[in-house]
Amino acid sequence: MGELVLWIFLLILGLALLVKGADWFVDGAAGIAGKCKISPLVIGLTVVAFGTSAPELAVSVAAAVGRSTDIAVGNIVGSNLCNILLILGLSSLVHSLPVEKNSLRLDLPVLLFSSALIIGLGAWGREISWWDGLIFLAVFAGYMVLLFRGALKERKAGVLPPPEEKEPPKGKAGLWLARMEQKTWFLIVLTVVGLGMVAGGGELLVEAAKRIANDYLHIPEGVIGLTVVAIGTSLPELVTSVVAAKKGETDIAVGNIIGSNIFNILLIGGVSSLFHPLAFNFTTNLVDALAAFAAALLLLVCALAGRKKLGKASGAVMLLSFAAFYVYLFLCRL
């Protein structure tokens, strides 16, 4: 009983670190974007996406090394499902989320291609081998090149959104923070510390949740990968995107999710498969990967139907789809 209480305490501590870390991380990343004259969308697609994907990377690599490939693959596709259906669904209920033209032309097509790639390569050899991993990493490198080339063009052309008006700071602490946020070194420290809290809190929360689910609730490993681990490692994206949406940093909210999903498949899937081939089961992994592809397609349809915006209707559709998938999961897998 005492050990269970300890794991529950660590679960709550991990969540607290996630919430505050995401708050600092968004402020720091948005401030750096303004200082460096880089679009917040690009910051969301790279720095924030990589930072919030750190728990998925750690969990999937550890699972691959330990040959728990059900957890590794389930974590990747499950996190992508959570990121789009749960996180963007909740975020778009908090604040209407614009989807930029660049995301429709480059980022979403890359996400759809990546989602199709894991289905095709996984089904072809019944596993994600190290050769497949090299293909993932090559596509990821090409995407990064295109992304940074576009960012450089924007910077040279001076195409940046106007600075957003903020409420005047209140109290001595608010005034001190407002002054410090004008300093680049402080924004870097804020981003790094926030990232550390997000990654560390995510790891702590996932480990505690896994122990509680496995040792006390006796849930099978494959279902743990798609639920406890996938939702747990998606919590940094969830907290960061909802906080970004509340702060009006909507480019970071959307870019964070699309970027994280691309990172999950191409970078995390690629790196994990270099340590050990990831088994790809037709009756489970294929269905889950198809569901993740359908979620990415739904995001594109909602963005186009909403005239490049995700509103409350889109959020409701995404959340209902998320609930439907998890009802299927618990009815058919347990």
Protein backbone atom coordinates (compact mmCIF):
# COMPACT_ATOMS: atom_id res chain seq x y z
CA MET A 1 0.00 0.00 0.00
CA GLY A 2 2.84 2.39 0.88
CA GLU A 3 4.51 1.78 -2.50
CA LEU A 4 1.25 2.55 -4.34
CA VAL A 5 0.94 5.85 -2.44
CA LEU A 6 4.53 6.71 -3.46
CA TRP A 7 3.79 6.05 -7.16
CA ILE A 8 0.61 8.16 -6.97
CA PHE A 9 2.64 11.00 -5.41
CA LEU A 10 5.27 10.73 -8.19
CA LEU A 11 2.46 10.75 -10.78
CA ILE A 12 1.12 14.03 -9.36
CA LEU A 13 4.65 15.50 -9.12
CA GLY A 14 5.31 14.61 -12.76
CA LEU A 15 2.08 16.32 -13.82
CA ALA A 16 2.99 19.46 -11.83
CA LEU A 17 6.42 19.63 -13.49
CA LEU A 18 4.75 19.23 -16.90
CA VAL A 19 2.28 22.06 -16.34
CA LYS A 20 4.78 24.65 -15.06
CA GLY A 21 7.53 23.52 -17.43
CA ALA A 22 5.21 23.89 -20.43
CA ASP A 23 4.29 27.41 -19.30
CA TRP A 24 7.96 28.49 -19.19
CA PHE A 25 8.81 26.58 -22.36
CA VAL A 26 6.11 28.32 -24.43
CA ASP A 27 7.08 31.77 -23.11
CA GLY A 28 10.78 31.17 -23.81
CA ALA A 29 10.26 29.66 -27.27
CA ALA A 30 7.87 32.43 -28.35
CA GLY A 31 10.29 35.08 -27.05
CA ILE A 32 13.23 33.55 -28.92
CA ALA A 33 11.14 33.45 -32.11
CA GLY A 34 10.54 37.21 -31.80
CA LYS A 35 14.19 38.01 -30.95
CA CYS A 36 15.60 35.94 -33.83
CA LYS A 37 12.88 37.06 -36.27
CA ILE A 38 11.84 33.45 -36.85
CA SER A 39 8.22 32.49 -37.40
CA PRO A 40 6.61 30.98 -34.26
CA LEU A 41 5.33 28.19 -36.54
CA VAL A 42 8.91 27.14 -37.32
CA ILE A 43 9.77 27.26 -33.59
CA GLY A 44 6.73 25.09 -32.90
CA LEU A 45 7.67 22.63 -35.65
CA THR A 46 11.28 22.27 -34.45
CA VAL A 47 12.37 23.36 -30.95
CA VAL A 48 9.01 22.84 -29.22
CA ALA A 49 8.18 19.68 -31.21
CA PHE A 50 11.55 18.10 -30.42
CA GLY A 51 11.35 19.07 -26.76
CA THR A 52 7.86 17.68 -26.24
CA SER A 53 8.81 14.52 -28.18
CA ALA A 54 11.70 13.78 -25.79
CA PRO A 55 9.61 11.42 -23.59
CA GLU A 56 8.49 9.42 -26.67
CA LEU A 57 12.12 9.14 -27.80
CA ALA A 58 13.32 7.96 -24.40
CA VAL A 59 10.47 5.46 -23.96
CA SER A 60 10.61 4.01 -27.50
CA VAL A 61 14.40 3.59 -27.52
CA ALA A 62 14.31 1.99 -24.07
CA ALA A 63 11.50 -0.31 -25.23
CA ALA A 64 13.43 -1.27 -28.39
CA VAL A 65 16.60 -2.00 -26.39
CA GLY A 66 14.53 -4.11 -23.98
CA ARG A 67 12.82 -5.79 -26.98
CA SER A 68 9.40 -4.60 -25.84
CA THR A 69 8.53 -3.73 -29.43
CA ASP A 70 4.75 -3.63 -28.75
CA ILE A 71 5.36 -0.70 -26.42
CA ALA A 72 7.74 1.00 -28.91
CA VAL A 73 5.37 0.82 -31.91
CA GLY A 74 2.26 1.41 -29.78
CA ASN A 75 3.90 4.47 -28.26
CA ILE A 76 4.66 5.99 -31.69
CA VAL A 77 1.27 5.47 -33.37
CA GLY A 78 -0.67 5.88 -30.11
CA SER A 79 1.03 9.21 -29.37
CA ASN A 80 0.20 10.45 -32.88
CA LEU A 81 -3.45 9.54 -32.36
CA CYS A 82 -3.49 11.33 -28.99
CA ASN A 83 -1.67 14.35 -30.38
CA ILE A 84 -4.20 15.01 -33.14
CA LEU A 85 -7.52 13.73 -31.78
CA LEU A 86 -7.12 14.53 -28.08
CA ILE A 87 -4.67 17.43 -27.93
CA LEU A 88 -5.70 19.44 -31.00
CA GLY A 89 -9.30 18.60 -30.15
CA LEU A 90 -8.97 20.09 -26.65
CA SER A 91 -6.77 23.00 -27.82
CA SER A 92 -9.26 24.04 -30.52
CA LEU A 93 -12.02 24.12 -27.88
CA VAL A 94 -9.87 26.52 -25.82
CA HIS A 95 -9.00 28.80 -28.77
CA SER A 96 -9.63 28.76 -32.51
CA LEU A 97 -6.43 27.46 -34.15
CA PRO A 98 -5.40 28.81 -37.57
CA VAL A 99 -3.62 26.36 -39.86
CA GLU A 100 -1.05 28.25 -41.93
CA LYS A 101 -0.61 27.89 -45.68
CA ASN A 102 2.91 26.48 -45.14
CA SER A 103 1.48 23.71 -42.96
CA LEU A 104 -1.06 22.79 -45.64
CA ARG A 105 1.59 22.82 -48.38
CA LEU A 106 4.49 21.11 -46.58
CA ASP A 107 3.98 19.92 -43.00
CA LEU A 108 0.65 18.10 -43.31
CA PRO A 109 1.62 16.36 -46.59
CA VAL A 110 4.88 15.22 -44.91
CA LEU A 111 2.87 13.92 -41.94
CA LEU A 112 0.50 12.01 -44.24
CA PHE A 113 3.45 10.61 -46.22
CA SER A 114 5.21 9.55 -42.99
CA SER A 115 2.02 7.91 -41.70
CA ALA A 116 1.67 6.00 -44.98
CA LEU A 117 5.39 5.11 -44.93
CA ILE A 118 5.23 3.34 -41.57
CA ILE A 119 2.17 1.39 -42.78
CA GLY A 120 3.83 0.39 -46.07
CA LEU A 121 7.26 -0.55 -44.69
CA GLY A 122 5.78 -2.26 -41.63
CA ALA A 123 3.37 -4.33 -43.70
CA TRP A 124 6.04 -5.16 -46.31
CA GLY A 125 8.48 -6.90 -43.97
CA ARG A 126 6.23 -7.47 -40.94
CA GLU A 127 8.71 -5.29 -39.00
CA ILE A 128 10.42 -1.91 -39.02
CA SER A 129 14.02 -2.97 -39.70
CA TRP A 130 17.19 -0.86 -39.44
CA TRP A 131 17.00 -0.34 -43.22
CA ASP A 132 13.51 1.08 -42.80
CA GLY A 133 14.87 3.22 -39.97
CA LEU A 134 17.49 4.69 -42.31
CA ILE A 135 14.72 5.55 -44.79
CA PHE A 136 12.78 7.29 -42.01
CA LEU A 137 15.85 9.29 -40.98
CA ALA A 138 16.64 10.26 -44.61
CA VAL A 139 13.08 11.57 -45.10
CA PHE A 140 13.35 13.42 -41.77
CA ALA A 141 16.63 15.07 -42.83
CA GLY A 142 15.05 16.17 -46.13
CA TYR A 143 12.08 17.64 -44.29
CA MET A 144 14.35 19.59 -41.94
CA VAL A 145 16.28 21.01 -44.91
CA LEU A 146 13.04 22.20 -46.57
CA LEU A 147 11.78 23.64 -43.30
CA PHE A 148 14.90 25.69 -42.58
CA ARG A 149 15.18 26.86 -46.18
CA GLY A 150 11.65 28.20 -45.90
CA ALA A 151 12.49 29.87 -42.57
CA LEU A 152 15.53 31.60 -44.09
CA LYS A 153 13.42 32.88 -47.00
CA GLU A 154 10.85 34.26 -44.55
CA ARG A 155 13.58 35.93 -42.52
CA LYS A 156 15.15 37.55 -45.59
CA ALA A 157 11.77 38.70 -46.88
CA GLY A 158 10.80 40.00 -43.43
CA VAL A 159 7.54 38.01 -43.50
CA LEU A 160 6.64 37.79 -39.82
CA PRO A 161 3.32 38.11 -37.98
CA PRO A 162 2.79 41.37 -36.06
CA PRO A 163 3.71 41.19 -32.37
CA GLU A 164 0.74 40.25 -30.20
CA GLU A 165 -0.49 42.73 -27.61
CA LYS A 166 -0.04 41.44 -24.07
CA GLU A 167 -1.70 42.49 -20.85
CA PRO A 168 0.46 44.84 -18.75
CA PRO A 169 2.32 42.94 -16.00
CA LYS A 170 0.92 43.10 -12.46
CA GLY A 171 2.92 43.40 -9.23
CA LYS A 172 6.67 43.49 -8.65
CA ALA A 173 7.16 39.88 -9.77
CA GLY A 174 5.27 40.58 -13.01
CA LEU A 175 7.31 43.72 -13.74
CA TRP A 176 10.59 41.87 -13.01
CA LEU A 177 9.57 38.98 -15.31
CA ALA A 178 8.56 41.42 -18.08
CA ARG A 179 12.00 43.11 -17.87
CA MET A 180 13.85 39.79 -17.85
CA GLU A 181 11.90 38.53 -20.87
CA GLN A 182 13.53 41.30 -22.90
CA LYS A 183 16.93 39.61 -22.39
CA THR A 184 17.85 36.86 -24.87
CA TRP A 185 19.94 34.89 -22.37
CA PHE A 186 16.99 34.74 -19.96
CA LEU A 187 14.66 33.47 -22.71
CA ILE A 188 17.18 30.72 -23.53
CA VAL A 189 17.43 29.73 -19.84
CA LEU A 190 13.62 29.80 -19.55
CA THR A 191 13.27 27.55 -22.62
CA VAL A 192 15.96 25.07 -21.48
CA VAL A 193 14.65 24.84 -17.90
CA GLY A 194 11.08 24.53 -19.15
CA LEU A 195 12.14 21.80 -21.58
CA GLY A 196 13.91 19.93 -18.78
CA MET A 197 10.82 20.13 -16.58
CA VAL A 198 8.57 18.97 -19.43
CA ALA A 199 10.80 16.01 -20.35
CA GLY A 200 11.54 15.07 -16.74
CA GLY A 201 7.92 15.44 -15.66
CA GLY A 202 6.78 13.34 -18.62
CA GLU A 203 9.27 10.58 -17.79
CA LEU A 204 8.29 10.59 -14.12
CA LEU A 205 4.60 10.51 -14.91
CA VAL A 206 4.93 7.70 -17.48
CA GLU A 207 7.03 5.52 -15.17
CA ALA A 208 4.57 5.99 -12.31
CA ALA A 209 1.57 5.33 -14.59
CA LYS A 210 3.22 2.18 -16.01
CA ARG A 211 3.92 0.83 -12.53
CA ILE A 212 0.36 1.49 -11.35
CA ALA A 213 -1.19 0.00 -14.53
CA ASN A 214 1.12 -3.03 -14.68
CA ASP A 215 1.59 -3.94 -11.02
CA TYR A 216 -1.82 -3.02 -9.63
CA LEU A 217 -4.29 -3.06 -12.57
CA HIS A 218 -2.64 -5.88 -14.62
CA ILE A 219 -3.11 -4.32 -18.11
CA PRO A 220 -1.38 -6.16 -21.06
CA GLU A 221 1.83 -4.64 -22.51
CA GLY A 222 0.35 -3.84 -25.95
CA VAL A 223 -2.56 -1.93 -24.45
CA ILE A 224 -0.18 -0.13 -22.06
CA GLY A 225 1.78 1.09 -25.12
CA LEU A 226 -1.33 2.52 -26.77
CA THR A 227 -2.91 3.98 -23.64
CA VAL A 228 -0.82 4.63 -20.53
CA VAL A 229 2.48 5.17 -22.38
CA ALA A 230 1.03 6.90 -25.47
CA ILE A 231 -1.18 9.28 -23.49
CA GLY A 232 1.51 9.75 -20.85
CA THR A 233 4.25 10.65 -23.33
CA SER A 234 1.76 12.92 -25.15
CA LEU A 235 1.14 14.93 -21.98
CA PRO A 236 4.00 17.37 -22.76
CA GLU A 237 2.33 18.10 -26.15
CA LEU A 238 -1.07 18.31 -24.45
CA VAL A 239 0.02 20.75 -21.76
CA THR A 240 2.26 22.78 -24.10
CA SER A 241 -0.42 23.09 -26.82
CA VAL A 242 -3.26 23.96 -24.43
CA VAL A 243 -1.05 26.52 -22.65
CA ALA A 244 0.05 27.94 -26.03
CA ALA A 245 -3.59 28.15 -27.18
CA LYS A 246 -4.61 29.95 -23.95
CA LYS A 247 -1.73 32.40 -24.41
CA GLY A 248 -2.78 33.01 -28.02
CA GLU A 249 0.42 31.42 -29.39
CA THR A 250 -1.67 29.39 -31.83
CA ASP A 251 1.16 28.82 -34.34
CA ILE A 252 3.15 27.08 -31.61
CA ALA A 253 0.09 25.00 -30.62
CA VAL A 254 -0.53 23.67 -34.14
CA GLY A 255 3.13 23.47 -35.16
CA ASN A 256 3.95 21.58 -31.96
CA ILE A 257 1.47 18.79 -32.79
CA ILE A 258 2.27 18.43 -36.49
CA GLY A 259 6.01 18.61 -35.81
CA SER A 260 5.79 16.15 -32.91
CA ASN A 261 3.93 13.61 -35.05
CA ILE A 262 6.54 13.86 -37.82
CA PHE A 263 9.31 13.52 -35.20
CA ASN A 264 7.54 10.50 -33.67
CA ILE A 265 7.45 8.50 -36.90
CA LEU A 266 10.60 9.58 -38.73
CA LEU A 267 13.05 10.37 -35.92
CA ILE A 268 11.85 8.23 -33.03
CA GLY A 269 10.75 5.30 -35.21
CA GLY A 270 13.99 5.54 -37.18
CA VAL A 271 16.30 5.72 -34.16
CA SER A 272 14.44 3.00 -32.25
CA SER A 273 14.66 0.53 -35.17
CA LEU A 274 18.45 0.96 -35.27
CA PHE A 275 18.64 -0.61 -31.80
CA HIS A 276 16.30 -3.52 -32.54
CA PRO A 277 13.80 -4.34 -35.34
CA LEU A 278 10.28 -3.29 -34.35
CA ALA A 279 7.81 -6.13 -34.93
CA PHE A 280 4.75 -5.01 -36.93
CA ASN A 281 1.71 -7.16 -36.20
CA PHE A 282 -1.08 -7.20 -38.81
CA THR A 283 -3.92 -7.63 -36.32
CA THR A 284 -2.83 -4.85 -33.95
CA ASN A 285 -0.07 -2.53 -35.21
CA LEU A 286 -1.51 -2.26 -38.74
CA VAL A 287 -4.95 -1.28 -37.41
CA ASP A 288 -3.38 1.30 -35.07
CA ALA A 289 -1.15 2.74 -37.82
CA LEU A 290 -4.18 3.01 -40.16
CA ALA A 291 -6.06 4.82 -37.39
CA ALA A 292 -3.13 7.27 -36.99
CA PHE A 293 -3.14 7.88 -40.77
CA ALA A 294 -6.92 8.49 -40.63
CA ALA A 295 -6.37 10.99 -37.79
CA ALA A 296 -3.83 12.94 -39.90
CA LEU A 297 -6.28 12.89 -42.84
CA LEU A 298 -9.07 14.12 -40.54
CA LEU A 299 -6.83 17.02 -39.45
CA LEU A 300 -6.33 18.03 -43.10
CA VAL A 301 -10.08 17.74 -43.85
CA CYS A 302 -11.01 19.80 -40.75
CA ALA A 303 -8.45 22.49 -41.68
CA LEU A 304 -9.79 22.75 -45.25
CA ALA A 305 -13.46 22.58 -44.19
CA GLY A 306 -12.88 25.26 -41.54
CA ARG A 307 -11.15 27.57 -44.06
CA LYS A 308 -7.69 27.01 -42.59
CA LYS A 309 -8.95 27.09 -39.00
CA LEU A 310 -9.70 24.48 -36.37
CA GLY A 311 -12.71 25.65 -34.39
CA LYS A 312 -14.98 24.14 -31.77
CA ALA A 313 -16.77 21.91 -34.32
CA SER A 314 -13.44 20.42 -35.45
CA GLY A 315 -12.43 19.92 -31.82
CA ALA A 316 -15.67 18.09 -31.06
CA VAL A 317 -15.25 15.78 -34.08
CA MET A 318 -11.66 14.98 -33.06
CA LEU A 319 -12.59 14.23 -29.45
CA LEU A 320 -15.48 11.98 -30.52
CA SER A 321 -13.11 10.12 -32.88
CA PHE A 322 -10.61 9.72 -30.03
CA ALA A 323 -13.32 8.32 -27.75
CA ALA A 324 -14.53 5.94 -30.49
CA PHE A 325 -11.02 4.52 -31.06
CA TYR A 326 -10.43 3.90 -27.37
CA VAL A 327 -13.85 2.27 -26.96
CA TYR A 328 -12.83 -0.10 -29.79
CA LEU A 329 -9.46 -0.63 -28.13
CA PHE A 330 -10.89 -1.66 -24.77
CA LEU A 331 -13.69 -3.76 -26.27
CA CYS A 332 -11.48 -5.68 -28.73
CA ARG A 333 -8.04 -5.82 -27.07
CA LEU A 334 -8.76 -6.54 -23.43
